[in-house]
C-alpha atoms as a PDB file:
ATOM      1  CA  MET A   1      70.840  95.714 110.131  1.00  0.00           C
ATOM      2  CA  LEU A   2      71.051  92.271 111.970  1.00  0.00           C
ATOM      3  CA  VAL A   3      69.258  89.502 110.286  1.00  0.00           C
ATOM      4  CA  ASP A   4      68.671  86.064 111.856  1.00  0.00           C
ATOM      5  CA  SER A   5      68.167  84.215 108.567  1.00  0.00           C
ATOM      6  CA  LEU A   6      67.192  84.926 104.957  1.00  0.00           C
ATOM      7  CA  ASP A   7      65.155  82.222 103.347  1.00  0.00           C
ATOM      8  CA  VAL A   8      62.989  84.249 100.757  1.00  0.00           C
ATOM      9  CA  LEU A   9      63.904  86.473  97.929  1.00  0.00           C
ATOM     10  CA  ALA A  10      60.862  88.545  97.106  1.00  0.00           C
ATOM     11  CA  LEU A  11      61.076  90.707  93.969  1.00  0.00           C
ATOM     12  CA  ASP A  12      58.906  93.381  92.348  1.00  0.00           C
ATOM     13  CA  ILE A  13      58.527  93.020  88.678  1.00  0.00           C
ATOM     14  CA  ASP A  14      58.836  96.527  87.127  1.00  0.00           C
ATOM     15  CA  GLY A  15      61.709  98.435  88.060  1.00  0.00           C
ATOM     16  CA  VAL A  16      63.531  95.563  89.939  1.00  0.00           C
ATOM     17  CA  LEU A  17      63.251  92.389  87.701  1.00  0.00           C
ATOM     18  CA  THR A  18      62.829  94.478  84.644  1.00  0.00           C
ATOM     19  CA  ASP A  19      63.450  98.073  83.750  1.00  0.00           C
ATOM     20  CA  GLY A  20      59.846  98.906  83.658  1.00  0.00           C
ATOM     21  CA  ARG A  21      59.812  99.258  79.813  1.00  0.00           C
ATOM     22  CA  VAL A  22      57.767  97.133  77.419  1.00  0.00           C
ATOM     23  CA  ALA A  23      58.322  96.105  73.729  1.00  0.00           C
ATOM     24  CA  ILE A  24      55.422  95.785  71.347  1.00  0.00           C
ATOM     25  CA  GLY A  25      55.910  93.285  68.430  1.00  0.00           C
ATOM     26  CA  PRO A  26      54.392  93.440  65.027  1.00  0.00           C
ATOM     27  CA  GLY A  27      51.237  91.499  66.136  1.00  0.00           C
ATOM     28  CA  GLY A  28      50.730  93.781  69.165  1.00  0.00           C
ATOM     29  CA  GLU A  29      52.137  91.296  71.577  1.00  0.00           C
ATOM     30  CA  ILE A  30      53.910  92.849  74.533  1.00  0.00           C
ATOM     31  CA  SER A  31      57.197  91.769  76.069  1.00  0.00           C
ATOM     32  CA  LYS A  32      59.581  92.667  78.928  1.00  0.00           C
ATOM     33  CA  GLY A  33      63.365  92.217  78.908  1.00  0.00           C
ATOM     34  CA  ILE A  34      65.363  90.558  81.800  1.00  0.00           C
ATOM     35  CA  ALA A  35      69.140  90.781  81.995  1.00  0.00           C
ATOM     36  CA  PHE A  36      70.965  87.535  81.513  1.00  0.00           C
ATOM     37  CA  ARG A  37      73.181  88.055  84.751  1.00  0.00           C
ATOM     38  CA  ASP A  38      69.797  88.440  86.747  1.00  0.00           C
ATOM     39  CA  LEU A  39      68.479  85.200  85.492  1.00  0.00           C
ATOM     40  CA  ASP A  40      71.866  83.543  86.093  1.00  0.00           C
ATOM     41  CA  ALA A  41      71.835  84.966  89.760  1.00  0.00           C
ATOM     42  CA  LEU A  42      68.243  83.506  90.412  1.00  0.00           C
ATOM     43  CA  GLY A  43      69.606  80.130  89.271  1.00  0.00           C
ATOM     44  CA  LYS A  44      72.092  80.572  92.212  1.00  0.00           C
ATOM     45  CA  VAL A  45      69.311  81.247  94.732  1.00  0.00           C
ATOM     46  CA  ARG A  46      67.284  78.154  93.562  1.00  0.00           C
ATOM     47  CA  ARG A  47      70.456  75.935  94.074  1.00  0.00           C
ATOM     48  CA  ALA A  48      71.088  77.464  97.608  1.00  0.00           C
ATOM     49  CA  GLY A  49      67.476  76.508  98.428  1.00  0.00           C
ATOM     50  CA  LEU A  50      65.963  79.832  98.911  1.00  0.00           C
ATOM     51  CA  HIS A  51      62.209  80.384  98.036  1.00  0.00           C
ATOM     52  CA  ILE A  52      61.962  82.951  95.146  1.00  0.00           C
ATOM     53  CA  ALA A  53      58.536  84.997  95.093  1.00  0.00           C
ATOM     54  CA  LEU A  54      57.391  87.790  92.755  1.00  0.00           C
ATOM     55  CA  VAL A  55      55.263  90.389  94.576  1.00  0.00           C
ATOM     56  CA  THR A  56      53.777  92.697  91.928  1.00  0.00           C
ATOM     57  CA  GLY A  57      50.905  95.061  91.433  1.00  0.00           C
ATOM     58  CA  GLU A  58      50.351  93.362  88.147  1.00  0.00           C
ATOM     59  CA  ASP A  59      48.212  90.569  86.766  1.00  0.00           C
ATOM     60  CA  GLY A  60      47.896  88.633  83.528  1.00  0.00           C
ATOM     61  CA  PRO A  61      49.790  86.491  81.063  1.00  0.00           C
ATOM     62  CA  MET A  62      52.908  88.651  81.408  1.00  0.00           C
ATOM     63  CA  VAL A  63      53.279  87.871  85.091  1.00  0.00           C
ATOM     64  CA  ASP A  64      52.805  84.141  84.256  1.00  0.00           C
ATOM     65  CA  ALA A  65      55.442  84.306  81.638  1.00  0.00           C
ATOM     66  CA  LEU A  66      58.005  86.025  83.896  1.00  0.00           C
ATOM     67  CA  ALA A  67      57.361  83.734  86.885  1.00  0.00           C
ATOM     68  CA  ALA A  68      57.928  80.659  84.554  1.00  0.00           C
ATOM     69  CA  ARG A  69      61.096  82.132  83.231  1.00  0.00           C
ATOM     70  CA  VAL A  70      62.732  82.723  86.528  1.00  0.00           C
ATOM     71  CA  GLY A  71      61.422  79.798  88.288  1.00  0.00           C
ATOM     72  CA  ALA A  72      59.442  81.401  90.780  1.00  0.00           C
ATOM     73  CA  ASP A  73      58.001  79.427  93.656  1.00  0.00           C
ATOM     74  CA  SER A  74      55.329  81.891  94.502  1.00  0.00           C
ATOM     75  CA  VAL A  75      53.678  84.821  92.854  1.00  0.00           C
ATOM     76  CA  VAL A  76      51.509  87.448  94.783  1.00  0.00           C
ATOM     77  CA  ARG A  77      49.517  89.360  91.974  1.00  0.00           C
ATOM     78  CA  ALA A  78      47.643  92.420  91.912  1.00  0.00           C
ATOM     79  CA  ALA A  79      49.379  93.453  95.080  1.00  0.00           C
ATOM     80  CA  LYS A  80      48.599  97.073  95.524  1.00  0.00           C
ATOM     81  CA  ASP A  81      49.241  96.766  99.240  1.00  0.00           C
ATOM     82  CA  LYS A  82      52.746  95.425  99.357  1.00  0.00           C
ATOM     83  CA  HIS A  83      52.883  95.119 103.247  1.00  0.00           C
ATOM     84  CA  ALA A  84      49.747  93.146 103.337  1.00  0.00           C
ATOM     85  CA  ALA A  85      51.033  91.011 100.374  1.00  0.00           C
ATOM     86  CA  MET A  86      54.337  90.215 102.389  1.00  0.00           C
ATOM     87  CA  HIS A  87      52.123  88.960 105.296  1.00  0.00           C
ATOM     88  CA  LYS A  88      49.922  86.859 102.918  1.00  0.00           C
ATOM     89  CA  LEU A  89      52.916  85.185 101.495  1.00  0.00           C
ATOM     90  CA  ALA A  90      54.485  84.501 104.851  1.00  0.00           C
ATOM     91  CA  ASP A  91      51.253  82.833 105.775  1.00  0.00           C
ATOM     92  CA  ASP A  92      50.972  80.794 102.512  1.00  0.00           C
ATOM     93  CA  ILE A  93      54.632  79.531 102.799  1.00  0.00           C
ATOM     94  CA  GLY A  94      55.076  79.330 106.491  1.00  0.00           C
ATOM     95  CA  ILE A  95      58.131  81.452 106.600  1.00  0.00           C
ATOM     96  CA  PRO A  96      58.156  84.838 108.692  1.00  0.00           C
ATOM     97  CA  THR A  97      58.510  88.003 106.947  1.00  0.00           C
ATOM     98  CA  LYS A  98      61.792  88.623 109.056  1.00  0.00           C
ATOM     99  CA  SER A  99      63.459  85.937 106.881  1.00  0.00           C
ATOM    100  CA  PHE A 100      62.456  87.915 103.609  1.00  0.00           C
ATOM    101  CA  CYS A 101      64.700  89.991 101.503  1.00  0.00           C
ATOM    102  CA  PHE A 102      62.311  92.261  99.335  1.00  0.00           C
ATOM    103  CA  VAL A 103      63.653  94.336  96.554  1.00  0.00           C
ATOM    104  CA  GLY A 104      61.288  97.247  95.647  1.00  0.00           C
ATOM    105  CA  ASP A 105      61.519 100.299  93.637  1.00  0.00           C
ATOM    106  CA  ALA A 106      58.577 102.342  94.193  1.00  0.00           C
ATOM    107  CA  ASP A 107      56.701 104.424  96.928  1.00  0.00           C
ATOM    108  CA  ARG A 108      54.186 101.858  97.128  1.00  0.00           C
ATOM    109  CA  ASP A 109      56.864  99.110  97.926  1.00  0.00           C
ATOM    110  CA  VAL A 110      58.111 101.290 101.019  1.00  0.00           C
ATOM    111  CA  PRO A 111      55.509  99.946 103.568  1.00  0.00           C
ATOM    112  CA  ALA A 112      56.684  96.388 102.930  1.00  0.00           C
ATOM    113  CA  PHE A 113      60.299  97.443 103.840  1.00  0.00           C
ATOM    114  CA  ALA A 114      59.397  97.590 107.403  1.00  0.00           C
ATOM    115  CA  CYS A 115      58.199  94.161 107.928  1.00  0.00           C
ATOM    116  CA  VAL A 116      61.049  92.239 106.054  1.00  0.00           C
ATOM    117  CA  GLY A 117      64.376  91.251 107.363  1.00  0.00           C
ATOM    118  CA  LEU A 118      66.280  93.116 104.663  1.00  0.00           C
ATOM    119  CA  SER A 119      64.925  95.700 102.176  1.00  0.00           C
ATOM    120  CA  LEU A 120      66.951  96.860  99.091  1.00  0.00           C
ATOM    121  CA  ALA A 121      66.150  99.413  96.452  1.00  0.00           C
ATOM    122  CA  PRO A 122      67.716  99.620  92.947  1.00  0.00           C
ATOM    123  CA  ALA A 123      69.820 102.707  91.982  1.00  0.00           C
ATOM    124  CA  ASP A 124      67.166 104.111  90.076  1.00  0.00           C
ATOM    125  CA  ALA A 125      64.277 103.517  92.465  1.00  0.00           C
ATOM    126  CA  SER A 126      62.181 106.321  93.748  1.00  0.00           C
ATOM    127  CA  GLU A 127      63.653 108.795  96.101  1.00  0.00           C
ATOM    128  CA  TYR A 128      61.315 107.481  98.908  1.00  0.00           C
ATOM    129  CA  ALA A 129      62.308 104.019  98.384  1.00  0.00           C
ATOM    130  CA  ARG A 130      66.057 104.703  98.383  1.00  0.00           C
ATOM    131  CA  ALA A 131      65.652 106.572 101.686  1.00  0.00           C
ATOM    132  CA  SER A 132      63.707 103.957 103.360  1.00  0.00           C
ATOM    133  CA  ALA A 133      65.475 100.710 101.970  1.00  0.00           C
ATOM    134  CA  ASN A 134      68.147  99.072 104.428  1.00  0.00           C
ATOM    135  CA  ARG A 135      70.500  99.445 101.429  1.00  0.00           C
ATOM    136  CA  VAL A 136      70.523 101.004  97.986  1.00  0.00           C
ATOM    137  CA  LEU A 137      71.990  98.923  95.248  1.00  0.00           C
ATOM    138  CA  GLN A 138      74.541 100.234  92.830  1.00  0.00           C
ATOM    139  CA  SER A 139      72.643  98.531  90.037  1.00  0.00           C
ATOM    140  CA  LYS A 140      69.616  99.739  88.150  1.00  0.00           C
ATOM    141  CA  GLY A 141      66.377  97.719  88.036  1.00  0.00           C
ATOM    142  CA  GLY A 142      66.259  95.193  85.021  1.00  0.00           C
ATOM    143  CA  SER A 143      70.222  95.821  84.638  1.00  0.00           C
ATOM    144  CA  GLY A 144      71.849  93.677  87.476  1.00  0.00           C
ATOM    145  CA  ALA A 145      69.937  94.974  90.551  1.00  0.00           C
ATOM    146  CA  VAL A 146      68.665  91.249  90.987  1.00  0.00           C
ATOM    147  CA  ALA A 147      72.209  89.903  90.669  1.00  0.00           C
ATOM    148  CA  GLU A 148      73.537  92.450  93.092  1.00  0.00           C
ATOM    149  CA  ALA A 149      70.720  91.735  95.524  1.00  0.00           C
ATOM    150  CA  VAL A 150      71.457  87.839  95.167  1.00  0.00           C
ATOM    151  CA  ASP A 151      75.083  88.455  96.141  1.00  0.00           C
ATOM    152  CA  ILE A 152      74.093  90.194  99.277  1.00  0.00           C
ATOM    153  CA  VAL A 153      71.541  87.573 100.396  1.00  0.00           C
ATOM    154  CA  LEU A 154      73.976  84.801  99.799  1.00  0.00           C
ATOM    155  CA  ARG A 155      76.815  86.432 101.536  1.00  0.00           C
ATOM    156  CA  THR A 156      74.553  87.003 104.373  1.00  0.00           C
ATOM    157  CA  ARG A 157      73.505  83.365 104.418  1.00  0.00           C
ATOM    158  CA  GLY A 158      77.131  82.454 104.513  1.00  0.00           C
ATOM    159  CA  ASP A 159      77.715  84.645 107.444  1.00  0.00           C
ATOM    160  CA  GLU A 160      74.752  82.792 109.081  1.00  0.00           C
ATOM    161  CA  LYS A 161      76.169  79.304 108.475  1.00  0.00           C
ATOM    162  CA  ASN A 162      79.599  80.596 109.776  1.00  0.00           C
ATOM    163  CA  ALA A 163      77.934  81.753 113.005  1.00  0.00           C
ATOM    164  CA  GLY A 164      78.472  78.565 114.913  1.00  0.00           C
ATOM    165  CA  GLU A 165      82.102  78.480 114.076  1.00  0.00           C
ATOM    166  CA  GLN A 166      82.461  81.986 114.848  1.00  0.00           C
ATOM    167  CA  ARG A 167      80.930  81.602 118.283  1.00  0.00           C
ATOM    168  CA  GLN A 168      83.415  78.842 119.154  1.00  0.00           C
ATOM    169  CA  LEU A 169      86.085  81.168 118.171  1.00  0.00           C
ATOM    170  CA  LEU A 170      84.510  83.935 120.440  1.00  0.00           C
ATOM    171  CA  VAL A 171      84.636  81.372 123.419  1.00  0.00           C
ATOM    172  CA  ARG A 172      88.101  80.283 122.661  1.00  0.00           C
ATOM    173  CA  ILE A 173      89.211  84.049 122.743  1.00  0.00           C
ATOM    174  CA  ALA A 174      87.493  84.736 125.904  1.00  0.00           C
ATOM    175  CA  GLU A 175      88.867  81.716 127.564  1.00  0.00           C
ATOM    176  CA  GLU A 176      92.351  82.546 126.551  1.00  0.00           C
ATOM    177  CA  SER A 177      91.834  86.023 128.061  1.00  0.00           C
ATOM    178  CA  ILE A 178      90.498  84.857 131.235  1.00  0.00           C
ATOM    179  CA  ASP A 179      93.304  82.319 131.515  1.00  0.00           C
ATOM    180  CA  ALA A 180      95.832  85.266 130.895  1.00  0.00           C
ATOM    181  CA  HIS A 181      94.139  87.324 133.573  1.00  0.00           C
ATOM    182  CA  ARG A 182      94.319  84.441 136.030  1.00  0.00           C
ATOM    183  CA  ARG A 183      97.972  84.172 135.252  1.00  0.00           C
ATOM    184  CA  LEU A 184      98.504  87.785 135.989  1.00  0.00           C
ATOM    185  CA  LEU A 185      96.629  87.339 139.278  1.00  0.00           C
ATOM    186  CA  ASP A 186      98.795  84.381 140.293  1.00  0.00           C
ATOM    187  CA  GLU A 187     102.309  85.811 138.991  1.00  0.00           C
ATOM    188  CA  SER A 188     102.333  89.652 138.624  1.00  0.00           C
ATOM    189  CA  LEU A 189     100.941  91.335 141.626  1.00  0.00           C
ATOM    190  CA  PRO A 190     104.295  91.927 143.360  1.00  0.00           C
ATOM    191  CA  LEU A 191     105.715  93.557 140.509  1.00  0.00           C
ATOM    192  CA  LEU A 192     102.690  95.723 139.666  1.00  0.00           C
ATOM    193  CA  LEU A 193     102.960  96.754 143.386  1.00  0.00           C
ATOM    194  CA  GLN A 194     106.529  97.759 142.762  1.00  0.00           C
ATOM    195  CA  ILE A 195     105.542  99.963 139.776  1.00  0.00           C
ATOM    196  CA  VAL A 196     102.872 101.788 141.907  1.00  0.00           C
ATOM    197  CA  HIS A 197     105.667 102.643 144.570  1.00  0.00           C
ATOM    198  CA  VAL A 198     107.888 103.774 141.747  1.00  0.00           C
ATOM    199  CA  PHE A 199     105.368 106.136 140.354  1.00  0.00           C
ATOM    200  CA  THR A 200     104.088 107.524 143.819  1.00  0.00           C
ATOM    201  CA  ARG A 201     107.700 107.754 145.042  1.00  0.00           C
ATOM    202  CA  ALA A 202     108.511 109.886 141.894  1.00  0.00           C
ATOM    203  CA  ILE A 203     105.417 112.039 142.128  1.00  0.00           C
ATOM    204  CA  ARG A 204     106.095 112.684 145.819  1.00  0.00           C
ATOM    205  CA  SER A 205     109.485 113.745 145.039  1.00  0.00           C
ATOM    206  CA  GLY A 206     108.443 116.349 142.342  1.00  0.00           C
ATOM    207  CA  ASN A 207     109.390 114.268 139.461  1.00  0.00           C
ATOM    208  CA  LYS A 208     107.522 113.377 136.516  1.00  0.00           C
ATOM    209  CA  ILE A 209     106.643 110.258 134.447  1.00  0.00           C
ATOM    210  CA  LEU A 210     107.232 109.921 130.539  1.00  0.00           C
ATOM    211  CA  PHE A 211     105.283 107.338 128.524  1.00  0.00           C
ATOM    212  CA  CYS A 212     106.347 105.962 124.911  1.00  0.00           C
ATOM    213  CA  GLY A 213     105.192 103.182 122.789  1.00  0.00           C
ATOM    214  CA  ASN A 214     104.092 102.346 119.180  1.00  0.00           C
ATOM    215  CA  GLY A 215     100.688 101.639 117.830  1.00  0.00           C
ATOM    216  CA  GLY A 216      98.294 100.336 120.362  1.00  0.00           C
ATOM    217  CA  SER A 217     101.195 100.794 122.981  1.00  0.00           C
ATOM    218  CA  ALA A 218     101.217 104.537 121.986  1.00  0.00           C
ATOM    219  CA  ALA A 219      97.631 104.808 122.658  1.00  0.00           C
ATOM    220  CA  ASP A 220      98.088 103.154 126.029  1.00  0.00           C
ATOM    221  CA  ALA A 221     100.874 105.923 126.826  1.00  0.00           C
ATOM    222  CA  GLN A 222      98.580 108.715 126.333  1.00  0.00           C
ATOM    223  CA  HIS A 223      95.653 106.885 127.884  1.00  0.00           C
ATOM    224  CA  VAL A 224      97.656 106.584 131.110  1.00  0.00           C
ATOM    225  CA  ALA A 225      99.160 109.977 131.023  1.00  0.00           C
ATOM    226  CA  GLY A 226      95.522 111.416 130.575  1.00  0.00           C
ATOM    227  CA  GLU A 227      94.436 109.428 133.684  1.00  0.00           C
ATOM    228  CA  LEU A 228      97.221 110.879 135.742  1.00  0.00           C
ATOM    229  CA  VAL A 229      96.923 114.396 134.589  1.00  0.00           C
ATOM    230  CA  GLY A 230      93.198 114.214 134.658  1.00  0.00           C
ATOM    231  CA  ARG A 231      91.578 111.754 137.208  1.00  0.00           C
ATOM    232  CA  PHE A 232      90.960 108.161 137.333  1.00  0.00           C
ATOM    233  CA  LEU A 233      88.003 107.538 140.013  1.00  0.00           C
ATOM    234  CA  LEU A 234      88.704 110.230 142.690  1.00  0.00           C
ATOM    235  CA  GLU A 235      88.655 114.179 142.675  1.00  0.00           C
ATOM    236  CA  SER A 236      92.434 114.684 142.895  1.00  0.00           C
ATOM    237  CA  GLU A 237      95.502 116.922 142.148  1.00  0.00           C
ATOM    238  CA  PRO A 238      96.769 116.530 138.506  1.00  0.00           C
ATOM    239  CA  TRP A 239     100.017 114.417 138.566  1.00  0.00           C
ATOM    240  CA  PRO A 240     102.989 115.240 136.281  1.00  0.00           C
ATOM    241  CA  ALA A 241     102.783 112.882 133.431  1.00  0.00           C
ATOM    242  CA  MET A 242     103.188 113.105 129.602  1.00  0.00           C
ATOM    243  CA  ALA A 243     102.984 110.897 126.508  1.00  0.00           C
ATOM    244  CA  LEU A 244     106.023 111.251 124.109  1.00  0.00           C
ATOM    245  CA  THR A 245     103.709 109.984 121.369  1.00  0.00           C
ATOM    246  CA  THR A 246     101.292 112.866 120.815  1.00  0.00           C
ATOM    247  CA  ASP A 247     103.311 115.875 119.275  1.00  0.00           C
ATOM    248  CA  SER A 248     103.211 115.204 115.623  1.00  0.00           C
ATOM    249  CA  SER A 249     105.551 118.138 114.850  1.00  0.00           C
ATOM    250  CA  ILE A 250     108.240 116.785 117.143  1.00  0.00           C
ATOM    251  CA  LEU A 251     107.975 112.973 116.080  1.00  0.00           C
ATOM    252  CA  THR A 252     108.104 113.906 112.361  1.00  0.00           C
ATOM    253  CA  ALA A 253     111.063 116.369 112.761  1.00  0.00           C
ATOM    254  CA  ILE A 254     113.125 113.998 114.689  1.00  0.00           C
ATOM    255  CA  GLY A 255     112.127 110.901 112.507  1.00  0.00           C
ATOM    256  CA  ASN A 256     112.887 113.170 109.451  1.00  0.00           C
ATOM    257  CA  ASP A 257     116.147 114.759 110.480  1.00  0.00           C
ATOM    258  CA  TRP A 258     117.644 112.094 112.439  1.00  0.00           C
ATOM    259  CA  LYS A 259     116.038 108.475 112.561  1.00  0.00           C
ATOM    260  CA  PHE A 260     112.847 107.022 113.792  1.00  0.00           C
ATOM    261  CA  GLU A 261     114.629 105.268 116.430  1.00  0.00           C
ATOM    262  CA  ASP A 262     115.516 108.597 117.874  1.00  0.00           C
ATOM    263  CA  ILE A 263     111.786 110.002 118.254  1.00  0.00           C
ATOM    264  CA  PHE A 264     111.510 109.091 121.974  1.00  0.00           C
ATOM    265  CA  ALA A 265     115.087 109.239 123.128  1.00  0.00           C
ATOM    266  CA  ARG A 266     115.577 112.727 121.994  1.00  0.00           C
ATOM    267  CA  GLN A 267     112.372 113.806 124.058  1.00  0.00           C
ATOM    268  CA  VAL A 268     113.729 111.910 126.960  1.00  0.00           C
ATOM    269  CA  ARG A 269     116.773 114.093 126.624  1.00  0.00           C
ATOM    270  CA  ALA A 270     114.817 117.280 126.448  1.00  0.00           C
ATOM    271  CA  PHE A 271     112.214 116.670 129.085  1.00  0.00           C
ATOM    272  CA  GLY A 272     113.783 113.931 131.476  1.00  0.00           C
ATOM    273  CA  ARG A 273     115.578 114.770 134.601  1.00  0.00           C
ATOM    274  CA  PRO A 274     117.204 112.619 137.404  1.00  0.00           C
ATOM    275  CA  GLY A 275     114.471 110.908 139.549  1.00  0.00           C
ATOM    276  CA  ASP A 276     112.044 110.924 136.661  1.00  0.00           C
ATOM    277  CA  VAL A 277     110.140 107.794 135.545  1.00  0.00           C
ATOM    278  CA  VAL A 278     110.469 106.758 131.823  1.00  0.00           C
ATOM    279  CA  VAL A 279     108.020 103.979 130.926  1.00  0.00           C
ATOM    280  CA  GLY A 280     108.583 102.213 127.701  1.00  0.00           C
ATOM    281  CA  ILE A 281     105.667  99.879 126.287  1.00  0.00           C
ATOM    282  CA  SER A 282     106.382  97.294 123.784  1.00  0.00           C
ATOM    283  CA  THR A 283     104.426  94.093 123.489  1.00  0.00           C
ATOM    284  CA  SER A 284     107.445  92.392 121.651  1.00  0.00           C
ATOM    285  CA  GLY A 285     110.000  93.929 124.000  1.00  0.00           C
ATOM    286  CA  GLU A 286     112.072  94.803 120.857  1.00  0.00           C
ATOM    287  CA  SER A 287     110.705  98.238 119.653  1.00  0.00           C
ATOM    288  CA  ALA A 288     114.061 100.039 118.770  1.00  0.00           C
ATOM    289  CA  ASN A 289     112.717 103.617 119.628  1.00  0.00           C
ATOM    290  CA  VAL A 290     111.272 102.400 123.108  1.00  0.00           C
ATOM    291  CA  LEU A 291     114.916 100.424 123.854  1.00  0.00           C
ATOM    292  CA  ARG A 292     116.829 103.528 122.924  1.00  0.00           C
ATOM    293  CA  ALA A 293     114.470 105.871 125.154  1.00  0.00           C
ATOM    294  CA  LEU A 294     115.190 103.691 128.171  1.00  0.00           C
ATOM    295  CA  GLU A 295     118.801 103.750 127.543  1.00  0.00           C
ATOM    296  CA  VAL A 296     118.842 107.376 127.609  1.00  0.00           C
ATOM    297  CA  ALA A 297     116.793 107.252 130.716  1.00  0.00           C
ATOM    298  CA  GLY A 298     119.428 105.378 132.353  1.00  0.00           C
ATOM    299  CA  ARG A 299     122.217 107.758 131.475  1.00  0.00           C
ATOM    300  CA  ILE A 300     120.331 110.646 132.865  1.00  0.00           C
ATOM    301  CA  GLY A 301     119.468 109.009 135.968  1.00  0.00           C
ATOM    302  CA  ALA A 302     115.727 108.279 135.499  1.00  0.00           C
ATOM    303  CA  VAL A 303     114.004 105.120 136.718  1.00  0.00           C
ATOM    304  CA  ARG A 304     113.292 102.782 133.851  1.00  0.00           C
ATOM    305  CA  VAL A 305     109.874 100.842 133.710  1.00  0.00           C
ATOM    306  CA  GLY A 306     109.148  98.496 130.998  1.00  0.00           C
ATOM    307  CA  PHE A 307     105.654  96.888 129.836  1.00  0.00           C
ATOM    308  CA  SER A 308     106.110  94.016 127.422  1.00  0.00           C
ATOM    309  CA  GLY A 309     104.845  90.493 126.823  1.00  0.00           C
ATOM    310  CA  ALA A 310     105.830  87.292 128.588  1.00  0.00           C
ATOM    311  CA  ASP A 311     109.177  87.296 126.495  1.00  0.00           C
ATOM    312  CA  ALA A 312     110.368  90.709 127.616  1.00  0.00           C
ATOM    313  CA  GLY A 313     113.228  90.484 125.288  1.00  0.00           C
ATOM    314  CA  ARG A 314     115.587  93.361 125.246  1.00  0.00           C
ATOM    315  CA  LEU A 315     113.260  95.577 127.173  1.00  0.00           C
ATOM    316  CA  GLY A 316     113.510  93.550 130.169  1.00  0.00           C
ATOM    317  CA  LYS A 317     117.471  94.056 130.234  1.00  0.00           C
ATOM    318  CA  VAL A 318     117.185  97.769 129.843  1.00  0.00           C
ATOM    319  CA  SER A 319     114.611  98.231 132.462  1.00  0.00           C
ATOM    320  CA  ASP A 320     114.954  98.731 136.238  1.00  0.00           C
ATOM    321  CA  VAL A 321     111.478  97.005 136.722  1.00  0.00           C
ATOM    322  CA  CYS A 322     109.503  95.238 133.924  1.00  0.00           C
ATOM    323  CA  PHE A 323     106.145  93.886 133.756  1.00  0.00           C
ATOM    324  CA  ALA A 324     106.027  90.981 131.353  1.00  0.00           C
ATOM    325  CA  ALA A 325     102.437  90.319 130.857  1.00  0.00           C
ATOM    326  CA  PRO A 326     101.765  86.546 131.019  1.00  0.00           C
ATOM    327  CA  GLY A 327      99.816  86.440 127.596  1.00  0.00           C
ATOM    328  CA  ARG A 328     100.592  84.077 124.713  1.00  0.00           C
ATOM    329  CA  SER A 329      99.755  86.608 121.861  1.00  0.00           C
ATOM    330  CA  THR A 330      99.675  90.438 121.223  1.00  0.00           C
ATOM    331  CA  PRO A 331      95.937  90.883 121.806  1.00  0.00           C
ATOM    332  CA  ARG A 332      96.155  89.029 125.222  1.00  0.00           C
ATOM    333  CA  VAL A 333      99.154  91.121 126.052  1.00  0.00           C
ATOM    334  CA  GLN A 334      97.394  94.333 125.372  1.00  0.00           C
ATOM    335  CA  GLU A 335      94.362  93.173 127.487  1.00  0.00           C
ATOM    336  CA  LEU A 336      96.663  92.554 130.411  1.00  0.00           C
ATOM    337  CA  HIS A 337      98.385  95.965 129.860  1.00  0.00           C
ATOM    338  CA  ILE A 338      95.212  97.816 130.122  1.00  0.00           C
ATOM    339  CA  LEU A 339      94.191  95.800 133.045  1.00  0.00           C
ATOM    340  CA  ALA A 340      97.459  96.598 134.834  1.00  0.00           C
ATOM    341  CA  TRP A 341      97.388 100.116 133.872  1.00  0.00           C
ATOM    342  CA  HIS A 342      94.004 100.664 135.361  1.00  0.00           C
ATOM    343  CA  ALA A 343      95.184  98.968 138.667  1.00  0.00           C
ATOM    344  CA  ILE A 344      98.335 100.976 138.905  1.00  0.00           C
ATOM    345  CA  CYS A 345      96.426 104.243 138.152  1.00  0.00           C
ATOM    346  CA  GLU A 346      93.577 103.453 140.763  1.00  0.00           C
ATOM    347  CA  LEU A 347      96.440 102.502 143.502  1.00  0.00           C
ATOM    348  CA  VAL A 348      98.600 105.578 142.756  1.00  0.00           C
ATOM    349  CA  GLU A 349      95.535 108.096 142.790  1.00  0.00           C
ATOM    350  CA  ARG A 350      94.294 106.457 146.099  1.00  0.00           C
ATOM    351  CA  SER A 351      97.736 106.774 147.788  1.00  0.00           C
ATOM    352  CA  LEU A 352      98.526 110.196 146.616  1.00  0.00           C
ATOM    353  CA  THR A 353      94.953 111.524 147.442  1.00  0.00           C
ATOM    354  CA  GLN A 354      95.475 110.118 150.793  1.00  0.00           C
ATOM    355  CA  ASP A 355      98.557 112.193 151.310  1.00  0.00           C
ATOM    356  CA  ALA A 356      96.634 115.254 150.522  1.00  0.00           C
ATOM    357  CA  ALA A 357      93.792 114.421 152.974  1.00  0.00           C
END
């Protein structure tokens, strides 16, 4: 659940602050126990500047004693209607209910869950309360539930304080990406058109395209193969393309019986033919299994296409044509790769569909 701010910690007493049991002394006096860690946690809340409120269906001296012991800023007594109690408290202290965290354990607490920013229920709360709360705590009432709730609230407030810094980071990331896309527009279009021509020429000649890569590049490999065998934008024929990254039996057999560096090269030997296109995707330009696949492709007479980062590394040397995405970091390179692949797929599809028209 998204919360703008949490400025109030509202607690029920029985079943949350205490475990709901009472002790009767020799003189008939009644007392309730509070866990020391819950008291310590409430001290953190006060130091953090939050408003502590007790919202309880009870009244009497015991409520006063508990409020004094925990340092409560507000007490709403005899609150049988917890939803109305929350709104009354909000009016009294001038803080909207959406800035409340309320910890309740009973069915009668549930209506209040709907109006607060964050609702929590102890592990031993009623079934209805646990089902209705935003989150169920691991601790029981009177045995650490308050401390756990405090940790959640303070972490949430910490996230709120970091929001400005995070926004600046998001702006920087977006600006870096926009700058990288502009460099692609300025520098890379002739090369991408060359790759389009390589693909269309191979498909028109009855050849196929084989893709390989690791990690995110493996995902790109099967993504692009899927676009060509399926369709990108237009209703078209399926074009012969396959990712060498998807058959787990082949990959694990080769990796186990030979070397991981051979997982793509051996498939190129099996499936590749002269005139095919073998595409190796490696953001670093140094992936050993991708390099070996393109080396084998060259020996069998296939056209070698590389997709890398700005420093194409060895991949640029073993490729007939290599798109070195002008990005300064792996995330930006991967963003440029997917833009380039989508552009290539669209142009290849348009060209080949026009052939069939």
